[in-house]
Amino acid sequence: MSSIEALLAREACQRLCLDFAVHADASAAEALAALFVEDGVFDRPGQTSQGRVTIRAAIAARPAEVWTRHYCSNIRIDLSSDGQSAIGQSYLLLFRGRNGATYNEIVRAEYHDAFVLTTSGWRIQSRKVAVLP
C-alpha cells in the first residue's frame, strides 16, 4: 500500500466518524445504518445493536423531541498491514436535550471502532461507546 493509498484509507475512515455524528444529530437512521457493514455492531451502554436493520431501528426509536450534537475529536486511525481493515479511536462530547425542556445533558465518551474495506468502500464493522466519568 502506497503512502497516498494509506492516507486516503485513513481519510475515508475519519469521514465515517464524522458522517456518523452528522447522521445521528439529524436522526437519519437509514443513512447512519448504511455506514456499517451488513452485520455491523453498534455497542453503547445499555444497548447493543447488530446488523443494519437493528441499528436503523435503534436510531429511529429516539423520541422526536430529543436532540443531540456530537462533537468528535482526536480521531486516530491505524491501518492493518494489508490495508484491508483499520481500528480507530476518538473522543466524543455529546450534548443532548429535549425541545422546550429546561435541561441539557453533557456526555463524555470514547469511540472504539473497527473498519473494513468492502466492495462499496470503507464501512464501520463495529463501534463501541465507552462513557467517561
N, C-alpha and C. Protein backbone atom coordinates (compact mmCIF):
# COMPACT_ATOMS: atom_id res chain seq x y z
N MET A 1 0.85 -1.17 0.00
CA MET A 1 0.00 0.00 0.00
C MET A 1 0.90 1.23 0.00
N SER A 2 0.65 2.13 -0.94
CA SER A 2 1.44 3.35 -1.03
C SER A 2 1.04 4.33 0.07
N SER A 3 1.87 5.34 0.25
CA SER A 3 1.57 6.38 1.24
C SER A 3 0.27 7.09 0.91
N ILE A 4 0.03 7.33 -0.37
CA ILE A 4 -1.21 8.01 -0.80
C ILE A 4 -2.41 7.12 -0.53
N GLU A 5 -2.30 5.83 -0.82
CA GLU A 5 -3.41 4.90 -0.55
C GLU A 5 -3.71 4.83 0.94
N ALA A 6 -2.67 4.83 1.76
CA ALA A 6 -2.86 4.80 3.21
C ALA A 6 -3.53 6.08 3.70
N LEU A 7 -3.10 7.21 3.17
CA LEU A 7 -3.71 8.49 3.52
C LEU A 7 -5.19 8.51 3.15
N LEU A 8 -5.51 8.04 1.96
CA LEU A 8 -6.91 8.01 1.50
C LEU A 8 -7.74 7.05 2.35
N ALA A 9 -7.18 5.93 2.76
CA ALA A 9 -7.90 4.98 3.61
C ALA A 9 -8.19 5.59 4.97
N ARG A 10 -7.19 6.24 5.57
CA ARG A 10 -7.41 6.89 6.87
C ARG A 10 -8.45 8.01 6.74
N GLU A 11 -8.38 8.77 5.67
CA GLU A 11 -9.36 9.84 5.44
C GLU A 11 -10.77 9.27 5.31
N ALA A 12 -10.92 8.15 4.62
CA ALA A 12 -12.24 7.53 4.46
C ALA A 12 -12.80 7.07 5.80
N CYS A 13 -11.95 6.53 6.65
CA CYS A 13 -12.40 6.09 7.98
C CYS A 13 -12.75 7.29 8.87
N GLN A 14 -11.95 8.35 8.79
CA GLN A 14 -12.27 9.56 9.55
C GLN A 14 -13.61 10.13 9.09
N ARG A 15 -13.85 10.08 7.79
CA ARG A 15 -15.12 10.59 7.25
C ARG A 15 -16.30 9.78 7.79
N LEU A 16 -16.13 8.48 7.96
CA LEU A 16 -17.19 7.66 8.56
C LEU A 16 -17.51 8.15 9.98
N CYS A 17 -16.47 8.49 10.73
CA CYS A 17 -16.68 9.02 12.09
C CYS A 17 -17.49 10.30 12.06
N LEU A 18 -17.13 11.20 11.16
CA LEU A 18 -17.82 12.48 11.06
C LEU A 18 -19.24 12.32 10.51
N ASP A 19 -19.40 11.45 9.52
CA ASP A 19 -20.74 11.20 8.97
C ASP A 19 -21.66 10.58 10.02
N PHE A 20 -21.11 9.71 10.86
CA PHE A 20 -21.89 9.13 11.95
C PHE A 20 -22.48 10.24 12.83
N ALA A 21 -21.64 11.20 13.21
CA ALA A 21 -22.10 12.30 14.06
C ALA A 21 -23.20 13.11 13.38
N VAL A 22 -22.99 13.45 12.12
CA VAL A 22 -23.98 14.24 11.37
C VAL A 22 -25.30 13.50 11.27
N HIS A 23 -25.25 12.21 10.92
CA HIS A 23 -26.49 11.44 10.76
C HIS A 23 -27.18 11.20 12.10
N ALA A 24 -26.41 11.00 13.16
CA ALA A 24 -27.00 10.82 14.49
C ALA A 24 -27.74 12.09 14.91
N ASP A 25 -27.12 13.25 14.70
CA ASP A 25 -27.75 14.51 15.09
C ASP A 25 -28.99 14.82 14.26
N ALA A 26 -29.03 14.35 13.03
CA ALA A 26 -30.18 14.58 12.15
C ALA A 26 -31.24 13.49 12.30
N SER A 27 -31.01 12.53 13.19
CA SER A 27 -31.90 11.36 13.33
C SER A 27 -32.12 10.66 12.00
N ALA A 28 -31.08 10.63 11.18
CA ALA A 28 -31.13 10.00 9.86
C ALA A 28 -30.74 8.53 10.01
N ALA A 29 -31.69 7.73 10.48
CA ALA A 29 -31.43 6.34 10.83
C ALA A 29 -30.94 5.52 9.65
N GLU A 30 -31.55 5.70 8.50
CA GLU A 30 -31.17 4.93 7.31
C GLU A 30 -29.73 5.25 6.90
N ALA A 31 -29.39 6.53 6.85
CA ALA A 31 -28.05 6.95 6.45
C ALA A 31 -27.00 6.49 7.46
N LEU A 32 -27.33 6.57 8.74
CA LEU A 32 -26.40 6.15 9.77
C LEU A 32 -26.16 4.64 9.67
N ALA A 33 -27.20 3.86 9.53
CA ALA A 33 -27.06 2.40 9.44
C ALA A 33 -26.24 2.00 8.22
N ALA A 34 -26.35 2.76 7.14
CA ALA A 34 -25.62 2.45 5.91
C ALA A 34 -24.11 2.63 6.06
N LEU A 35 -23.66 3.28 7.11
CA LEU A 35 -22.23 3.44 7.36
C LEU A 35 -21.59 2.14 7.84
N PHE A 36 -22.41 1.20 8.30
CA PHE A 36 -21.96 -0.07 8.85
C PHE A 36 -21.99 -1.16 7.77
N VAL A 37 -21.17 -2.19 7.96
CA VAL A 37 -21.31 -3.39 7.15
C VAL A 37 -22.65 -4.02 7.51
N GLU A 38 -23.13 -4.93 6.67
CA GLU A 38 -24.46 -5.52 6.86
C GLU A 38 -24.65 -6.11 8.25
N ASP A 39 -23.64 -6.77 8.80
CA ASP A 39 -23.77 -7.38 10.13
C ASP A 39 -23.00 -6.59 11.19
N GLY A 40 -22.82 -5.29 10.96
CA GLY A 40 -22.06 -4.44 11.88
C GLY A 40 -22.67 -4.38 13.27
N VAL A 41 -21.85 -3.93 14.21
CA VAL A 41 -22.27 -3.86 15.62
C VAL A 41 -22.09 -2.43 16.12
N PHE A 42 -23.15 -1.91 16.74
CA PHE A 42 -23.10 -0.62 17.43
C PHE A 42 -23.38 -0.91 18.90
N ASP A 43 -22.35 -0.77 19.73
CA ASP A 43 -22.42 -1.16 21.13
C ASP A 43 -22.30 0.09 21.99
N ARG A 44 -23.41 0.47 22.60
CA ARG A 44 -23.40 1.61 23.51
C ARG A 44 -23.96 1.16 24.84
N PRO A 45 -23.65 1.86 25.92
CA PRO A 45 -24.08 1.42 27.24
C PRO A 45 -25.60 1.15 27.28
N GLY A 46 -25.93 -0.06 27.67
CA GLY A 46 -27.33 -0.42 27.79
C GLY A 46 -27.99 -0.93 26.52
N GLN A 47 -27.29 -0.88 25.39
CA GLN A 47 -27.91 -1.34 24.15
C GLN A 47 -26.84 -1.71 23.13
N THR A 48 -26.86 -2.96 22.70
CA THR A 48 -26.01 -3.42 21.62
C THR A 48 -26.90 -3.78 20.45
N SER A 49 -26.62 -3.20 19.30
CA SER A 49 -27.40 -3.45 18.09
C SER A 49 -26.48 -4.11 17.07
N GLN A 50 -26.93 -5.23 16.51
CA GLN A 50 -26.14 -5.90 15.49
C GLN A 50 -26.95 -6.00 14.21
N GLY A 51 -26.33 -5.58 13.11
CA GLY A 51 -26.96 -5.58 11.80
C GLY A 51 -27.58 -4.24 11.47
N ARG A 52 -27.54 -3.90 10.21
CA ARG A 52 -28.07 -2.60 9.78
C ARG A 52 -29.53 -2.40 10.17
N VAL A 53 -30.35 -3.43 10.03
CA VAL A 53 -31.77 -3.31 10.34
C VAL A 53 -31.97 -2.94 11.81
N THR A 54 -31.23 -3.61 12.69
CA THR A 54 -31.35 -3.35 14.12
C THR A 54 -30.78 -1.98 14.49
N ILE A 55 -29.67 -1.61 13.87
CA ILE A 55 -29.07 -0.29 14.13
C ILE A 55 -30.04 0.80 13.68
N ARG A 56 -30.59 0.64 12.48
CA ARG A 56 -31.56 1.61 11.97
C ARG A 56 -32.74 1.75 12.93
N ALA A 57 -33.27 0.64 13.41
CA ALA A 57 -34.41 0.67 14.34
C ALA A 57 -34.06 1.36 15.64
N ALA A 58 -32.86 1.12 16.15
CA ALA A 58 -32.44 1.75 17.41
C ALA A 58 -32.35 3.27 17.26
N ILE A 59 -31.80 3.73 16.14
CA ILE A 59 -31.68 5.17 15.91
C ILE A 59 -33.07 5.79 15.67
N ALA A 60 -33.90 5.10 14.92
CA ALA A 60 -35.24 5.61 14.62
C ALA A 60 -36.13 5.66 15.86
N ALA A 61 -35.81 4.89 16.89
CA ALA A 61 -36.62 4.85 18.10
C ALA A 61 -36.44 6.07 19.00
N ARG A 62 -35.46 6.91 18.69
CA ARG A 62 -35.25 8.10 19.52
C ARG A 62 -36.46 9.00 19.43
N PRO A 63 -36.99 9.45 20.56
CA PRO A 63 -38.15 10.34 20.53
C PRO A 63 -37.87 11.61 19.72
N ALA A 64 -38.85 12.06 18.98
CA ALA A 64 -38.70 13.20 18.08
C ALA A 64 -38.28 14.47 18.81
N GLU A 65 -38.66 14.61 20.07
CA GLU A 65 -38.33 15.85 20.79
C GLU A 65 -36.91 15.86 21.36
N VAL A 66 -36.20 14.75 21.27
CA VAL A 66 -34.82 14.68 21.76
C VAL A 66 -33.88 15.12 20.64
N TRP A 67 -32.95 16.01 20.99
CA TRP A 67 -31.94 16.45 20.02
C TRP A 67 -30.55 16.13 20.58
N THR A 68 -29.59 16.00 19.68
CA THR A 68 -28.20 15.77 20.08
C THR A 68 -27.28 16.59 19.20
N ARG A 69 -26.10 16.84 19.72
CA ARG A 69 -24.99 17.42 18.97
C ARG A 69 -23.74 16.66 19.37
N HIS A 70 -23.19 15.93 18.42
CA HIS A 70 -21.98 15.14 18.63
C HIS A 70 -20.77 15.97 18.20
N TYR A 71 -19.78 16.09 19.08
CA TYR A 71 -18.52 16.75 18.74
C TYR A 71 -17.41 15.71 18.91
N CYS A 72 -16.79 15.33 17.81
CA CYS A 72 -15.76 14.30 17.82
C CYS A 72 -14.39 14.95 17.62
N SER A 73 -13.40 14.42 18.34
CA SER A 73 -12.05 14.97 18.19
C SER A 73 -11.03 13.86 18.39
N ASN A 74 -9.78 14.21 18.12
CA ASN A 74 -8.65 13.30 18.29
C ASN A 74 -8.92 11.96 17.61
N ILE A 75 -9.42 12.03 16.39
CA ILE A 75 -9.72 10.82 15.64
C ILE A 75 -8.39 10.21 15.18
N ARG A 76 -8.15 9.00 15.62
CA ARG A 76 -6.91 8.31 15.26
C ARG A 76 -7.29 7.01 14.55
N ILE A 77 -6.74 6.79 13.38
CA ILE A 77 -7.00 5.61 12.58
C ILE A 77 -5.68 4.89 12.35
N ASP A 78 -5.63 3.60 12.67
CA ASP A 78 -4.46 2.77 12.42
C ASP A 78 -4.85 1.66 11.45
N LEU A 79 -4.18 1.66 10.29
CA LEU A 79 -4.46 0.67 9.26
C LEU A 79 -3.74 -0.65 9.53
N SER A 80 -4.37 -1.74 9.11
CA SER A 80 -3.71 -3.03 9.16
C SER A 80 -2.61 -3.06 8.11
N SER A 81 -1.71 -3.99 8.24
CA SER A 81 -0.58 -4.06 7.31
C SER A 81 -1.01 -4.34 5.88
N ASP A 82 -2.15 -5.03 5.69
CA ASP A 82 -2.61 -5.31 4.33
C ASP A 82 -3.53 -4.23 3.77
N GLY A 83 -3.87 -3.23 4.61
CA GLY A 83 -4.70 -2.12 4.15
C GLY A 83 -6.16 -2.45 3.94
N GLN A 84 -6.61 -3.60 4.45
CA GLN A 84 -7.99 -4.03 4.26
C GLN A 84 -8.88 -3.76 5.47
N SER A 85 -8.27 -3.38 6.59
CA SER A 85 -9.02 -3.09 7.80
C SER A 85 -8.27 -2.03 8.60
N ALA A 86 -8.96 -1.51 9.59
CA ALA A 86 -8.36 -0.47 10.43
C ALA A 86 -9.07 -0.46 11.77
N ILE A 87 -8.38 0.08 12.76
CA ILE A 87 -9.02 0.35 14.04
C ILE A 87 -8.92 1.84 14.29
N GLY A 88 -9.86 2.35 15.07
CA GLY A 88 -9.86 3.77 15.34
C GLY A 88 -10.31 4.07 16.75
N GLN A 89 -9.94 5.24 17.20
CA GLN A 89 -10.36 5.74 18.49
C GLN A 89 -10.58 7.24 18.36
N SER A 90 -11.61 7.74 19.02
CA SER A 90 -11.85 9.17 19.03
C SER A 90 -12.58 9.54 20.31
N TYR A 91 -12.56 10.82 20.61
CA TYR A 91 -13.26 11.32 21.78
C TYR A 91 -14.57 11.96 21.34
N LEU A 92 -15.56 11.85 22.20
CA LEU A 92 -16.88 12.39 21.93
C LEU A 92 -17.30 13.30 23.08
N LEU A 93 -17.81 14.45 22.71
CA LEU A 93 -18.50 15.33 23.65
C LEU A 93 -19.92 15.45 23.09
N LEU A 94 -20.88 14.94 23.81
CA LEU A 94 -22.26 14.87 23.34
C LEU A 94 -23.15 15.79 24.17
N PHE A 95 -23.86 16.65 23.49
CA PHE A 95 -24.87 17.49 24.13
C PHE A 95 -26.22 16.91 23.74
N ARG A 96 -27.10 16.72 24.73
CA ARG A 96 -28.41 16.13 24.46
C ARG A 96 -29.46 16.88 25.27
N GLY A 97 -30.62 17.06 24.66
CA GLY A 97 -31.71 17.74 25.36
C GLY A 97 -33.04 17.40 24.73
N ARG A 98 -34.07 18.04 25.25
CA ARG A 98 -35.43 17.88 24.72
C ARG A 98 -35.95 19.24 24.32
N ASN A 99 -36.63 19.30 23.21
CA ASN A 99 -37.23 20.55 22.75
C ASN A 99 -38.14 21.10 23.85
N GLY A 100 -37.96 22.36 24.20
CA GLY A 100 -38.82 23.02 25.17
C GLY A 100 -38.53 22.68 26.62
N ALA A 101 -37.59 21.78 26.89
CA ALA A 101 -37.28 21.41 28.26
C ALA A 101 -36.21 22.33 28.82
N THR A 102 -36.10 22.34 30.12
CA THR A 102 -35.14 23.22 30.77
C THR A 102 -33.82 22.54 31.07
N TYR A 103 -33.63 21.31 30.65
CA TYR A 103 -32.38 20.63 30.96
C TYR A 103 -31.61 20.25 29.70
N ASN A 104 -30.34 20.13 29.87
CA ASN A 104 -29.45 19.59 28.85
C ASN A 104 -28.50 18.63 29.53
N GLU A 105 -28.08 17.63 28.82
CA GLU A 105 -27.16 16.65 29.34
C GLU A 105 -25.87 16.71 28.53
N ILE A 106 -24.75 16.57 29.21
CA ILE A 106 -23.46 16.51 28.54
C ILE A 106 -22.83 15.16 28.86
N VAL A 107 -22.42 14.45 27.81
CA VAL A 107 -21.81 13.13 27.96
C VAL A 107 -20.42 13.18 27.35
N ARG A 108 -19.44 12.64 28.09
CA ARG A 108 -18.08 12.49 27.58
C ARG A 108 -17.85 11.01 27.35
N ALA A 109 -17.32 10.68 26.18
CA ALA A 109 -17.13 9.27 25.86
C ALA A 109 -15.98 9.09 24.88
N GLU A 110 -15.62 7.84 24.69
CA GLU A 110 -14.67 7.44 23.65
C GLU A 110 -15.38 6.50 22.71
N TYR A 111 -15.05 6.60 21.44
CA TYR A 111 -15.47 5.62 20.46
C TYR A 111 -14.28 4.70 20.19
N HIS A 112 -14.54 3.41 20.13
CA HIS A 112 -13.56 2.42 19.73
C HIS A 112 -14.14 1.72 18.51
N ASP A 113 -13.48 1.91 17.37
CA ASP A 113 -14.03 1.48 16.09
C ASP A 113 -13.17 0.42 15.41
N ALA A 114 -13.85 -0.41 14.63
CA ALA A 114 -13.19 -1.31 13.69
C ALA A 114 -13.80 -1.02 12.33
N PHE A 115 -12.94 -0.82 11.33
CA PHE A 115 -13.36 -0.50 9.97
C PHE A 115 -12.90 -1.62 9.05
N VAL A 116 -13.61 -1.78 7.94
CA VAL A 116 -13.22 -2.78 6.96
C VAL A 116 -13.47 -2.23 5.56
N LEU A 117 -12.58 -2.57 4.65
CA LEU A 117 -12.74 -2.16 3.26
C LEU A 117 -13.63 -3.17 2.56
N THR A 118 -14.73 -2.71 1.99
CA THR A 118 -15.68 -3.57 1.29
C THR A 118 -15.68 -3.20 -0.20
N THR A 119 -16.45 -3.92 -0.98
CA THR A 119 -16.56 -3.59 -2.40
C THR A 119 -17.26 -2.25 -2.60
N SER A 120 -17.94 -1.77 -1.56
CA SER A 120 -18.62 -0.46 -1.62
C SER A 120 -17.81 0.64 -0.94
N GLY A 121 -16.59 0.34 -0.56
CA GLY A 121 -15.76 1.31 0.14
C GLY A 121 -15.62 0.95 1.62
N TRP A 122 -15.04 1.85 2.39
CA TRP A 122 -14.84 1.62 3.82
C TRP A 122 -16.17 1.69 4.56
N ARG A 123 -16.34 0.79 5.53
CA ARG A 123 -17.54 0.75 6.37
C ARG A 123 -17.11 0.47 7.81
N ILE A 124 -18.00 0.80 8.73
CA ILE A 124 -17.78 0.51 10.14
C ILE A 124 -18.18 -0.95 10.38
N GLN A 125 -17.26 -1.71 10.94
CA GLN A 125 -17.56 -3.09 11.32
C GLN A 125 -18.14 -3.12 12.73
N SER A 126 -17.55 -2.31 13.60
CA SER A 126 -18.10 -2.19 14.95
C SER A 126 -17.73 -0.85 15.55
N ARG A 127 -18.62 -0.37 16.38
CA ARG A 127 -18.39 0.88 17.13
C ARG A 127 -18.84 0.64 18.55
N LYS A 128 -17.90 0.79 19.48
CA LYS A 128 -18.20 0.64 20.90
C LYS A 128 -18.05 1.99 21.58
N VAL A 129 -19.04 2.36 22.35
CA VAL A 129 -19.04 3.63 23.07
C VAL A 129 -18.65 3.35 24.52
N ALA A 130 -17.61 4.01 24.99
CA ALA A 130 -17.19 3.89 26.39
C ALA A 130 -17.38 5.25 27.03
N VAL A 131 -18.36 5.36 27.93
CA VAL A 131 -18.65 6.61 28.61
C VAL A 131 -17.56 6.90 29.62
N LEU A 132 -17.10 8.14 29.64
CA LEU A 132 -16.06 8.55 30.56
C LEU A 132 -16.69 9.23 31.78
N PRO A 133 -16.03 9.14 32.93
CA PRO A 133 -16.58 9.78 34.15
C PRO A 133 -16.54 11.29 34.05
